PDB file of N, CA and C in Angstrom:
ATOM      1  N   UNK A   1      -9.270  38.102 -37.894  1.00  0.00           N
ATOM      2  CA  UNK A   1      -9.830  38.227 -36.169  1.00  0.00           C
ATOM      3  C   UNK A   1      -9.620  38.653 -35.257  1.00  0.00           C
ATOM      4  N   UNK A   2      -7.792  38.189 -35.364  1.00  0.00           N
ATOM      5  CA  UNK A   2      -6.847  38.553 -34.548  1.00  0.00           C
ATOM      6  C   UNK A   2      -6.375  40.024 -33.782  1.00  0.00           C
ATOM      7  N   UNK A   3      -6.144  40.439 -34.794  1.00  0.00           N
ATOM      8  CA  UNK A   3      -6.267  42.019 -35.937  1.00  0.00           C
ATOM      9  C   UNK A   3      -7.262  42.662 -34.952  1.00  0.00           C
ATOM     10  N   UNK A   4      -8.917  41.955 -35.175  1.00  0.00           N
ATOM     11  CA  UNK A   4      -9.473  42.982 -34.479  1.00  0.00           C
ATOM     12  C   UNK A   4      -9.368  42.496 -33.423  1.00  0.00           C
ATOM     13  N   UNK A   5      -9.237  41.993 -32.500  1.00  0.00           N
ATOM     14  CA  UNK A   5      -8.692  41.466 -30.897  1.00  0.00           C
ATOM     15  C   UNK A   5      -8.068  42.703 -30.222  1.00  0.00           C
ATOM     16  N   UNK A   6      -6.932  43.213 -31.248  1.00  0.00           N
ATOM     17  CA  UNK A   6      -5.701  44.102 -31.003  1.00  0.00           C
ATOM     18  C   UNK A   6      -6.771  45.432 -31.508  1.00  0.00           C
ATOM     19  N   UNK A   7      -7.370  45.847 -32.152  1.00  0.00           N
ATOM     20  CA  UNK A   7      -7.813  46.856 -32.434  1.00  0.00           C
ATOM     21  C   UNK A   7      -8.533  46.757 -30.902  1.00  0.00           C
ATOM     22  N   UNK A   8      -9.389  45.854 -30.767  1.00  0.00           N
ATOM     23  CA  UNK A   8     -10.518  46.117 -29.534  1.00  0.00           C
ATOM     24  C   UNK A   8      -9.337  46.666 -28.298  1.00  0.00           C
ATOM     25  N   UNK A   9      -7.779  45.961 -28.398  1.00  0.00           N
ATOM     26  CA  UNK A   9      -7.639  46.085 -26.916  1.00  0.00           C
ATOM     27  C   UNK A   9      -7.354  47.503 -26.940  1.00  0.00           C
ATOM     28  N   UNK A  10      -6.418  48.227 -28.388  1.00  0.00           N
ATOM     29  CA  UNK A  10      -5.796  49.533 -28.203  1.00  0.00           C
ATOM     30  C   UNK A  10      -6.933  50.387 -28.284  1.00  0.00           C
ATOM     31  N   UNK A  11      -7.811  50.026 -28.704  1.00  0.00           N
ATOM     32  CA  UNK A  11      -9.728  50.781 -27.976  1.00  0.00           C
ATOM     33  C   UNK A  11     -10.072  51.166 -26.257  1.00  0.00           C
ATOM     34  N   UNK A  12      -9.481  49.792 -25.598  1.00  0.00           N
ATOM     35  CA  UNK A  12     -10.111  49.291 -24.299  1.00  0.00           C
ATOM     36  C   UNK A  12      -8.605  50.446 -23.164  1.00  0.00           C
ATOM     37  N   UNK A  13      -7.849  49.902 -23.774  1.00  0.00           N
ATOM     38  CA  UNK A  13      -6.310  50.867 -23.241  1.00  0.00           C
ATOM     39  C   UNK A  13      -6.331  52.322 -23.469  1.00  0.00           C
ATOM     40  N   UNK A  14      -6.577  52.255 -24.664  1.00  0.00           N
ATOM     41  CA  UNK A  14      -6.939  54.160 -24.951  1.00  0.00           C
ATOM     42  C   UNK A  14      -8.032  54.682 -23.972  1.00  0.00           C
ATOM     43  N   UNK A  15      -8.945  54.009 -23.909  1.00  0.00           N
ATOM     44  CA  UNK A  15      -9.966  54.298 -22.356  1.00  0.00           C
ATOM     45  C   UNK A  15      -9.686  54.558 -21.978  1.00  0.00           C
ATOM     46  N   UNK A  16      -8.875  53.719 -21.702  1.00  0.00           N
ATOM     47  CA  UNK A  16      -8.227  53.734 -19.857  1.00  0.00           C
ATOM     48  C   UNK A  16      -7.342  54.569 -19.361  1.00  0.00           C
ATOM     49  N   UNK A  17      -6.962  55.032 -20.913  1.00  0.00           N
ATOM     50  CA  UNK A  17      -6.202  56.383 -19.937  1.00  0.00           C
ATOM     51  C   UNK A  17      -6.605  57.140 -19.618  1.00  0.00           C
ATOM     52  N   UNK A  18      -7.906  57.265 -20.732  1.00  0.00           N
ATOM     53  CA  UNK A  18      -8.343  58.939 -21.616  1.00  0.00           C
ATOM     54  C   UNK A  18      -9.113  59.016 -20.162  1.00  0.00           C
ATOM     55  N   UNK A  19     -10.296  57.581 -19.330  1.00  0.00           N
ATOM     56  CA  UNK A  19     -10.841  57.521 -17.871  1.00  0.00           C
ATOM     57  C   UNK A  19      -9.675  57.644 -17.035  1.00  0.00           C
ATOM     58  N   UNK A  20      -8.196  57.443 -17.014  1.00  0.00           N
ATOM     59  CA  UNK A  20      -7.543  57.760 -15.683  1.00  0.00           C
ATOM     60  C   UNK A  20      -7.340  59.198 -16.595  1.00  0.00           C
ATOM     61  N   UNK A  21      -7.033  60.367 -17.203  1.00  0.00           N
ATOM     62  CA  UNK A  21      -6.859  61.248 -17.339  1.00  0.00           C
ATOM     63  C   UNK A  21      -8.421  62.515 -16.827  1.00  0.00           C
ATOM     64  N   UNK A  22      -9.155  61.861 -17.022  1.00  0.00           N
ATOM     65  CA  UNK A  22     -10.403  62.725 -16.798  1.00  0.00           C
ATOM     66  C   UNK A  22     -10.194  62.930 -15.131  1.00  0.00           C
ATOM     67  N   UNK A  23     -10.111  61.401 -15.156  1.00  0.00           N
ATOM     68  CA  UNK A  23     -10.473  61.484 -13.162  1.00  0.00           C
ATOM     69  C   UNK A  23     -10.095  62.355 -12.591  1.00  0.00           C
ATOM     70  N   UNK A  24      -8.694  62.818 -13.048  1.00  0.00           N
ATOM     71  CA  UNK A  24      -7.784  63.958 -11.894  1.00  0.00           C
ATOM     72  C   UNK A  24      -8.370  65.197 -12.402  1.00  0.00           C
ATOM     73  N   UNK A  25      -8.881  65.434 -13.557  1.00  0.00           N
ATOM     74  CA  UNK A  25      -9.673  66.481 -13.648  1.00  0.00           C
ATOM     75  C   UNK A  25     -11.402  67.097 -12.782  1.00  0.00           C
ATOM     76  N   UNK A  26     -11.403  66.082 -13.810  1.00  0.00           N
ATOM     77  CA  UNK A  26     -13.149  65.788 -13.712  1.00  0.00           C
ATOM     78  C   UNK A  26     -14.045  65.555 -12.114  1.00  0.00           C
ATOM     79  N   UNK A  27     -14.328  66.072 -11.303  1.00  0.00           N
ATOM     80  CA  UNK A  27     -14.768  65.074 -10.182  1.00  0.00           C
ATOM     81  C   UNK A  27     -15.980  64.303 -10.913  1.00  0.00           C
ATOM     82  N   UNK A  28     -15.810  62.971 -10.124  1.00  0.00           N
ATOM     83  CA  UNK A  28     -16.928  62.111  -9.956  1.00  0.00           C
ATOM     84  C   UNK A  28     -17.053  61.211 -11.382  1.00  0.00           C
ATOM     85  N   UNK A  29     -15.507  60.984 -12.177  1.00  0.00           N
ATOM     86  CA  UNK A  29     -14.850  60.593 -13.295  1.00  0.00           C
ATOM     87  C   UNK A  29     -14.532  59.346 -12.243  1.00  0.00           C
ATOM     88  N   UNK A  30     -14.455  58.235 -12.879  1.00  0.00           N
ATOM     89  CA  UNK A  30     -13.497  57.385 -11.465  1.00  0.00           C
ATOM     90  C   UNK A  30     -12.813  57.165 -12.179  1.00  0.00           C
ATOM     91  N   UNK A  31     -11.586  56.410 -11.340  1.00  0.00           N
ATOM     92  CA  UNK A  31     -10.375  56.290 -12.055  1.00  0.00           C
ATOM     93  C   UNK A  31      -9.810  55.402 -13.036  1.00  0.00           C
ATOM     94  N   UNK A  32     -11.099  54.384 -12.709  1.00  0.00           N
ATOM     95  CA  UNK A  32     -10.446  52.930 -14.006  1.00  0.00           C
ATOM     96  C   UNK A  32     -11.849  52.234 -14.805  1.00  0.00           C
ATOM     97  N   UNK A  33     -11.431  51.666 -14.908  1.00  0.00           N
ATOM     98  CA  UNK A  33     -12.644  51.021 -15.444  1.00  0.00           C
ATOM     99  C   UNK A  33     -12.701  49.977 -14.883  1.00  0.00           C
ATOM    100  N   UNK A  34     -13.393  49.220 -14.464  1.00  0.00           N
ATOM    101  CA  UNK A  34     -13.884  48.263 -13.367  1.00  0.00           C
ATOM    102  C   UNK A  34     -13.096  47.429 -14.343  1.00  0.00           C
ATOM    103  N   UNK A  35     -13.947  46.396 -15.490  1.00  0.00           N
ATOM    104  CA  UNK A  35     -13.694  45.052 -16.672  1.00  0.00           C
ATOM    105  C   UNK A  35     -12.314  45.724 -17.712  1.00  0.00           C
ATOM    106  N   UNK A  36     -11.309  46.410 -17.483  1.00  0.00           N
ATOM    107  CA  UNK A  36     -10.419  47.392 -19.207  1.00  0.00           C
ATOM    108  C   UNK A  36      -9.716  45.340 -18.396  1.00  0.00           C
ATOM    109  N   UNK A  37      -9.406  45.032 -16.809  1.00  0.00           N
ATOM    110  CA  UNK A  37      -8.123  44.570 -17.072  1.00  0.00           C
ATOM    111  C   UNK A  37      -8.297  43.541 -17.481  1.00  0.00           C
ATOM    112  N   UNK A  38      -9.804  42.527 -17.255  1.00  0.00           N
ATOM    113  CA  UNK A  38     -10.172  41.718 -17.226  1.00  0.00           C
ATOM    114  C   UNK A  38     -10.403  41.160 -19.003  1.00  0.00           C
ATOM    115  N   UNK A  39     -11.028  42.335 -19.867  1.00  0.00           N
ATOM    116  CA  UNK A  39     -11.440  42.060 -20.768  1.00  0.00           C
ATOM    117  C   UNK A  39     -10.129  42.388 -21.707  1.00  0.00           C
ATOM    118  N   UNK A  40      -9.210  43.088 -21.221  1.00  0.00           N
ATOM    119  CA  UNK A  40      -7.823  42.819 -22.079  1.00  0.00           C
ATOM    120  C   UNK A  40      -6.890  41.656 -21.542  1.00  0.00           C
ATOM    121  N   UNK A  41      -7.131  41.089 -20.578  1.00  0.00           N
ATOM    122  CA  UNK A  41      -6.579  39.867 -20.608  1.00  0.00           C
ATOM    123  C   UNK A  41      -7.275  38.792 -21.827  1.00  0.00           C
ATOM    124  N   UNK A  42      -8.000  38.760 -21.559  1.00  0.00           N
ATOM    125  CA  UNK A  42      -9.659  38.214 -22.863  1.00  0.00           C
ATOM    126  C   UNK A  42      -9.294  38.686 -24.190  1.00  0.00           C
ATOM    127  N   UNK A  43      -8.606  39.437 -24.830  1.00  0.00           N
ATOM    128  CA  UNK A  43      -8.829  40.111 -25.928  1.00  0.00           C
ATOM    129  C   UNK A  43      -7.583  39.705 -26.626  1.00  0.00           C
ATOM    130  N   UNK A  44      -6.050  39.339 -25.733  1.00  0.00           N
ATOM    131  CA  UNK A  44      -4.967  39.814 -25.795  1.00  0.00           C
ATOM    132  C   UNK A  44      -4.707  38.389 -26.442  1.00  0.00           C
ATOM    133  N   UNK A  45      -5.381  36.959 -24.945  1.00  0.00           N
ATOM    134  CA  UNK A  45      -5.461  35.214 -25.106  1.00  0.00           C
ATOM    135  C   UNK A  45      -6.479  35.080 -27.054  1.00  0.00           C
ATOM    136  N   UNK A  46      -7.172  35.642 -27.273  1.00  0.00           N
ATOM    137  CA  UNK A  46      -8.195  35.747 -27.991  1.00  0.00           C
ATOM    138  C   UNK A  46      -7.107  36.365 -29.492  1.00  0.00           C
ATOM    139  N   UNK A  47      -6.454  37.029 -29.448  1.00  0.00           N
ATOM    140  CA  UNK A  47      -5.782  37.748 -30.326  1.00  0.00           C
ATOM    141  C   UNK A  47      -3.760  36.436 -30.762  1.00  0.00           C
ATOM    142  N   UNK A  48      -4.141  36.507 -29.669  1.00  0.00           N
ATOM    143  CA  UNK A  48      -2.539  35.150 -29.871  1.00  0.00           C
ATOM    144  C   UNK A  48      -3.121  33.972 -30.670  1.00  0.00           C
ATOM    145  N   UNK A  49      -4.928  33.226 -29.748  1.00  0.00           N
ATOM    146  CA  UNK A  49      -5.116  32.532 -30.331  1.00  0.00           C
ATOM    147  C   UNK A  49      -5.532  32.536 -31.560  1.00  0.00           C
ATOM    148  N   UNK A  50      -5.960  33.328 -31.930  1.00  0.00           N
ATOM    149  CA  UNK A  50      -6.556  33.106 -33.755  1.00  0.00           C
ATOM    150  C   UNK A  50      -5.245  33.617 -34.154  1.00  0.00           C
ATOM    151  N   UNK A  51      -4.261  34.354 -33.730  1.00  0.00           N
ATOM    152  CA  UNK A  51      -3.137  34.638 -35.222  1.00  0.00           C
ATOM    153  C   UNK A  51      -2.578  33.405 -35.231  1.00  0.00           C
ATOM    154  N   UNK A  52      -2.116  32.736 -34.094  1.00  0.00           N
ATOM    155  CA  UNK A  52      -1.544  30.965 -34.297  1.00  0.00           C
ATOM    156  C   UNK A  52      -2.369  30.388 -34.969  1.00  0.00           C
ATOM    157  N   UNK A  53      -3.656  30.569 -35.032  1.00  0.00           N
ATOM    158  CA  UNK A  53      -4.620  29.159 -35.532  1.00  0.00           C
ATOM    159  C   UNK A  53      -3.946  29.044 -37.026  1.00  0.00           C
ATOM    160  N   UNK A  54      -4.435  31.137 -37.706  1.00  0.00           N
ATOM    161  CA  UNK A  54      -3.567  30.658 -38.912  1.00  0.00           C
ATOM    162  C   UNK A  54      -3.025  30.970 -39.301  1.00  0.00           C
ATOM    163  N   UNK A  55      -1.684  31.363 -38.636  1.00  0.00           N
ATOM    164  CA  UNK A  55      -0.083  30.286 -38.403  1.00  0.00           C
ATOM    165  C   UNK A  55       0.245  29.170 -39.428  1.00  0.00           C
ATOM    166  N   UNK A  56      -0.831  27.848 -37.957  1.00  0.00           N
ATOM    167  CA  UNK A  56      -0.512  27.189 -38.235  1.00  0.00           C
ATOM    168  C   UNK A  56      -1.372  26.490 -39.465  1.00  0.00           C
ATOM    169  N   UNK A  57      -2.364  27.269 -40.373  1.00  0.00           N
ATOM    170  CA  UNK A  57      -3.356  26.817 -41.521  1.00  0.00           C
ATOM    171  C   UNK A  57      -2.575  27.373 -42.763  1.00  0.00           C
ATOM    172  N   UNK A  58      -1.401  28.158 -42.353  1.00  0.00           N
ATOM    173  CA  UNK A  58      -0.728  28.737 -43.419  1.00  0.00           C
ATOM    174  C   UNK A  58       0.625  27.914 -43.246  1.00  0.00           C
ATOM    175  N   UNK A  59       0.830  27.060 -42.431  1.00  0.00           N
ATOM    176  CA  UNK A  59       2.017  25.978 -42.602  1.00  0.00           C
ATOM    177  C   UNK A  59       3.030  26.987 -41.746  1.00  0.00           C
ATOM    178  N   UNK A  60       2.773  28.069 -41.385  1.00  0.00           N
ATOM    179  CA  UNK A  60       3.670  28.605 -40.879  1.00  0.00           C
ATOM    180  C   UNK A  60       4.456  28.871 -39.960  1.00  0.00           C
ATOM    181  N   UNK A  61       5.497  29.673 -39.143  1.00  0.00           N
ATOM    182  CA  UNK A  61       6.217  29.657 -37.862  1.00  0.00           C
ATOM    183  C   UNK A  61       6.656  31.137 -37.441  1.00  0.00           C
ATOM    184  N   UNK A  62       6.384  30.803 -36.501  1.00  0.00           N
ATOM    185  CA  UNK A  62       6.016  32.839 -35.980  1.00  0.00           C
ATOM    186  C   UNK A  62       7.906  32.683 -35.225  1.00  0.00           C
ATOM    187  N   UNK A  63       8.640  33.244 -36.010  1.00  0.00           N
ATOM    188  CA  UNK A  63       9.865  33.600 -35.672  1.00  0.00           C
ATOM    189  C   UNK A  63      10.181  35.406 -35.636  1.00  0.00           C
ATOM    190  N   UNK A  64      11.465  35.521 -34.904  1.00  0.00           N
ATOM    191  CA  UNK A  64      12.134  36.907 -35.059  1.00  0.00           C
ATOM    192  C   UNK A  64      12.957  37.187 -35.529  1.00  0.00           C
ATOM    193  N   UNK A  65      13.517  37.307 -36.784  1.00  0.00           N
ATOM    194  CA  UNK A  65      14.532  37.730 -37.682  1.00  0.00           C
ATOM    195  C   UNK A  65      15.293  38.297 -37.353  1.00  0.00           C
ATOM    196  N   UNK A  66      14.990  39.870 -36.177  1.00  0.00           N
ATOM    197  CA  UNK A  66      15.946  40.890 -36.738  1.00  0.00           C
ATOM    198  C   UNK A  66      17.359  40.401 -36.744  1.00  0.00           C
ATOM    199  N   UNK A  67      18.565  39.634 -36.173  1.00  0.00           N
ATOM    200  CA  UNK A  67      19.981  39.365 -36.208  1.00  0.00           C
ATOM    201  C   UNK A  67      20.023  38.308 -37.200  1.00  0.00           C
ATOM    202  N   UNK A  68      19.502  36.936 -36.986  1.00  0.00           N
ATOM    203  CA  UNK A  68      18.942  35.963 -38.657  1.00  0.00           C
ATOM    204  C   UNK A  68      19.223  36.926 -39.242  1.00  0.00           C
ATOM    205  N   UNK A  69      18.402  37.606 -39.832  1.00  0.00           N
ATOM    206  CA  UNK A  69      18.494  38.659 -41.522  1.00  0.00           C
ATOM    207  C   UNK A  69      19.679  39.608 -42.381  1.00  0.00           C
ATOM    208  N   UNK A  70      20.626  39.661 -40.626  1.00  0.00           N
ATOM    209  CA  UNK A  70      21.384  40.085 -41.103  1.00  0.00           C
ATOM    210  C   UNK A  70      23.174  39.539 -41.341  1.00  0.00           C
ATOM    211  N   UNK A  71      23.073  38.653 -41.034  1.00  0.00           N
ATOM    212  CA  UNK A  71      23.843  37.935 -40.381  1.00  0.00           C
ATOM    213  C   UNK A  71      24.471  36.491 -42.215  1.00  0.00           C
ATOM    214  N   UNK A  72      25.782  36.352 -41.896  1.00  0.00           N
ATOM    215  CA  UNK A  72      25.503  35.137 -43.454  1.00  0.00           C
ATOM    216  C   UNK A  72      25.055  34.233 -43.354  1.00  0.00           C
ATOM    217  N   UNK A  73      24.759  33.503 -44.325  1.00  0.00           N
ATOM    218  CA  UNK A  73      24.567  32.143 -44.168  1.00  0.00           C
ATOM    219  C   UNK A  73      25.040  30.829 -43.050  1.00  0.00           C
ATOM    220  N   UNK A  74      26.570  30.894 -43.038  1.00  0.00           N
ATOM    221  CA  UNK A  74      27.204  30.249 -42.729  1.00  0.00           C
ATOM    222  C   UNK A  74      26.564  30.589 -40.862  1.00  0.00           C
ATOM    223  N   UNK A  75      27.098  31.950 -40.595  1.00  0.00           N
ATOM    224  CA  UNK A  75      26.862  32.400 -38.600  1.00  0.00           C
ATOM    225  C   UNK A  75      25.165  32.144 -39.330  1.00  0.00           C
ATOM    226  N   UNK A  76      24.194  32.302 -39.065  1.00  0.00           N
ATOM    227  CA  UNK A  76      22.827  31.625 -39.369  1.00  0.00           C
ATOM    228  C   UNK A  76      22.332  30.753 -38.975  1.00  0.00           C
ATOM    229  N   UNK A  77      23.403  29.445 -39.949  1.00  0.00           N
ATOM    230  CA  UNK A  77      23.242  28.051 -40.000  1.00  0.00           C
ATOM    231  C   UNK A  77      23.715  27.478 -38.660  1.00  0.00           C
ATOM    232  N   UNK A  78      24.511  28.431 -37.637  1.00  0.00           N
ATOM    233  CA  UNK A  78      25.679  27.998 -36.185  1.00  0.00           C
ATOM    234  C   UNK A  78      24.497  28.593 -35.513  1.00  0.00           C
ATOM    235  N   UNK A  79      24.420  29.894 -35.758  1.00  0.00           N
ATOM    236  CA  UNK A  79      23.625  30.563 -34.696  1.00  0.00           C
ATOM    237  C   UNK A  79      22.146  29.518 -34.574  1.00  0.00           C
ATOM    238  N   UNK A  80      21.250  28.972 -35.123  1.00  0.00           N
ATOM    239  CA  UNK A  80      19.926  28.361 -35.427  1.00  0.00           C
ATOM    240  C   UNK A  80      20.241  26.822 -34.406  1.00  0.00           C
ATOM    241  N   UNK A  81      21.779  26.665 -35.012  1.00  0.00           N
ATOM    242  CA  UNK A  81      22.151  25.017 -33.772  1.00  0.00           C
ATOM    243  C   UNK A  81      22.482  25.434 -32.280  1.00  0.00           C
ATOM    244  N   UNK A  82      22.936  26.572 -32.731  1.00  0.00           N
ATOM    245  CA  UNK A  82      23.385  26.453 -31.388  1.00  0.00           C
ATOM    246  C   UNK A  82      21.869  27.295 -29.791  1.00  0.00           C
ATOM    247  N   UNK A  83      21.004  27.871 -30.698  1.00  0.00           N
ATOM    248  CA  UNK A  83      19.881  27.964 -29.891  1.00  0.00           C
ATOM    249  C   UNK A  83      18.823  26.906 -29.654  1.00  0.00           C
ATOM    250  N   UNK A  84      18.967  25.873 -30.833  1.00  0.00           N
ATOM    251  CA  UNK A  84      18.158  24.777 -30.633  1.00  0.00           C
ATOM    252  C   UNK A  84      18.351  24.222 -29.973  1.00  0.00           C
ATOM    253  N   UNK A  85      19.836  23.429 -29.533  1.00  0.00           N
ATOM    254  CA  UNK A  85      20.154  23.362 -28.839  1.00  0.00           C
ATOM    255  C   UNK A  85      20.173  23.722 -27.566  1.00  0.00           C
ATOM    256  N   UNK A  86      19.873  24.821 -27.170  1.00  0.00           N
ATOM    257  CA  UNK A  86      19.269  25.737 -25.940  1.00  0.00           C
ATOM    258  C   UNK A  86      17.927  25.410 -25.703  1.00  0.00           C
ATOM    259  N   UNK A  87      17.253  25.818 -26.627  1.00  0.00           N
ATOM    260  CA  UNK A  87      15.924  25.188 -26.437  1.00  0.00           C
ATOM    261  C   UNK A  87      15.311  23.635 -26.051  1.00  0.00           C
ATOM    262  N   UNK A  88      16.253  23.311 -26.819  1.00  0.00           N
ATOM    263  CA  UNK A  88      16.009  21.693 -26.226  1.00  0.00           C
ATOM    264  C   UNK A  88      16.964  21.910 -24.749  1.00  0.00           C
ATOM    265  N   UNK A  89      17.585  21.934 -24.649  1.00  0.00           N
ATOM    266  CA  UNK A  89      18.129  21.777 -23.448  1.00  0.00           C
ATOM    267  C   UNK A  89      17.554  22.635 -22.429  1.00  0.00           C
ATOM    268  N   UNK A  90      16.715  23.847 -22.525  1.00  0.00           N
ATOM    269  CA  UNK A  90      15.614  24.906 -21.291  1.00  0.00           C
ATOM    270  C   UNK A  90      13.650  23.903 -21.156  1.00  0.00           C
ATOM    271  N   UNK A  91      13.891  22.664 -22.989  1.00  0.00           N
ATOM    272  CA  UNK A  91      12.585  22.300 -22.543  1.00  0.00           C
ATOM    273  C   UNK A  91      12.517  21.120 -21.646  1.00  0.00           C
ATOM    274  N   UNK A  92      14.047  19.981 -21.883  1.00  0.00           N
ATOM    275  CA  UNK A  92      14.455  19.310 -20.788  1.00  0.00           C
ATOM    276  C   UNK A  92      14.540  19.586 -19.763  1.00  0.00           C
ATOM    277  N   UNK A  93      15.042  20.342 -19.053  1.00  0.00           N
ATOM    278  CA  UNK A  93      14.599  21.212 -17.451  1.00  0.00           C
ATOM    279  C   UNK A  93      13.513  21.263 -17.202  1.00  0.00           C
ATOM    280  N   UNK A  94      12.715  21.727 -17.567  1.00  0.00           N
ATOM    281  CA  UNK A  94      11.038  22.073 -17.824  1.00  0.00           C
ATOM    282  C   UNK A  94      10.344  20.955 -17.676  1.00  0.00           C
ATOM    283  N   UNK A  95      11.341  19.650 -18.054  1.00  0.00           N
ATOM    284  CA  UNK A  95       9.730  18.256 -18.302  1.00  0.00           C
ATOM    285  C   UNK A  95      10.576  17.581 -16.986  1.00  0.00           C
ATOM    286  N   UNK A  96      12.122  17.817 -16.602  1.00  0.00           N
ATOM    287  CA  UNK A  96      12.088  17.079 -14.968  1.00  0.00           C
ATOM    288  C   UNK A  96      11.883  18.224 -13.847  1.00  0.00           C
ATOM    289  N   UNK A  97      11.915  19.277 -14.268  1.00  0.00           N
ATOM    290  CA  UNK A  97      11.324  20.179 -12.249  1.00  0.00           C
ATOM    291  C   UNK A  97      10.623  20.038 -12.086  1.00  0.00           C
TER     292      UNK A  97
END
């Protein structure tokens, strides 16, 4: 379902670009699709919600492992510890502020 929302969002953005380009060439074509911003926001929220629900159901966790996958296990453990500490500190700051 999340993938379908992303496909619809891609189509909506492509349509917005096409309408904008046509408005420069063809008189009378509106410069934008009036509901594109709102529907784009709804589709992005739905894609995130549906994707995270599936991830939680599978017992997964969304992570970006671009750097962690390229370092040794000792460095990875150190990086995860430091970054988890920073995350806890930032969350604590937000809770207090």
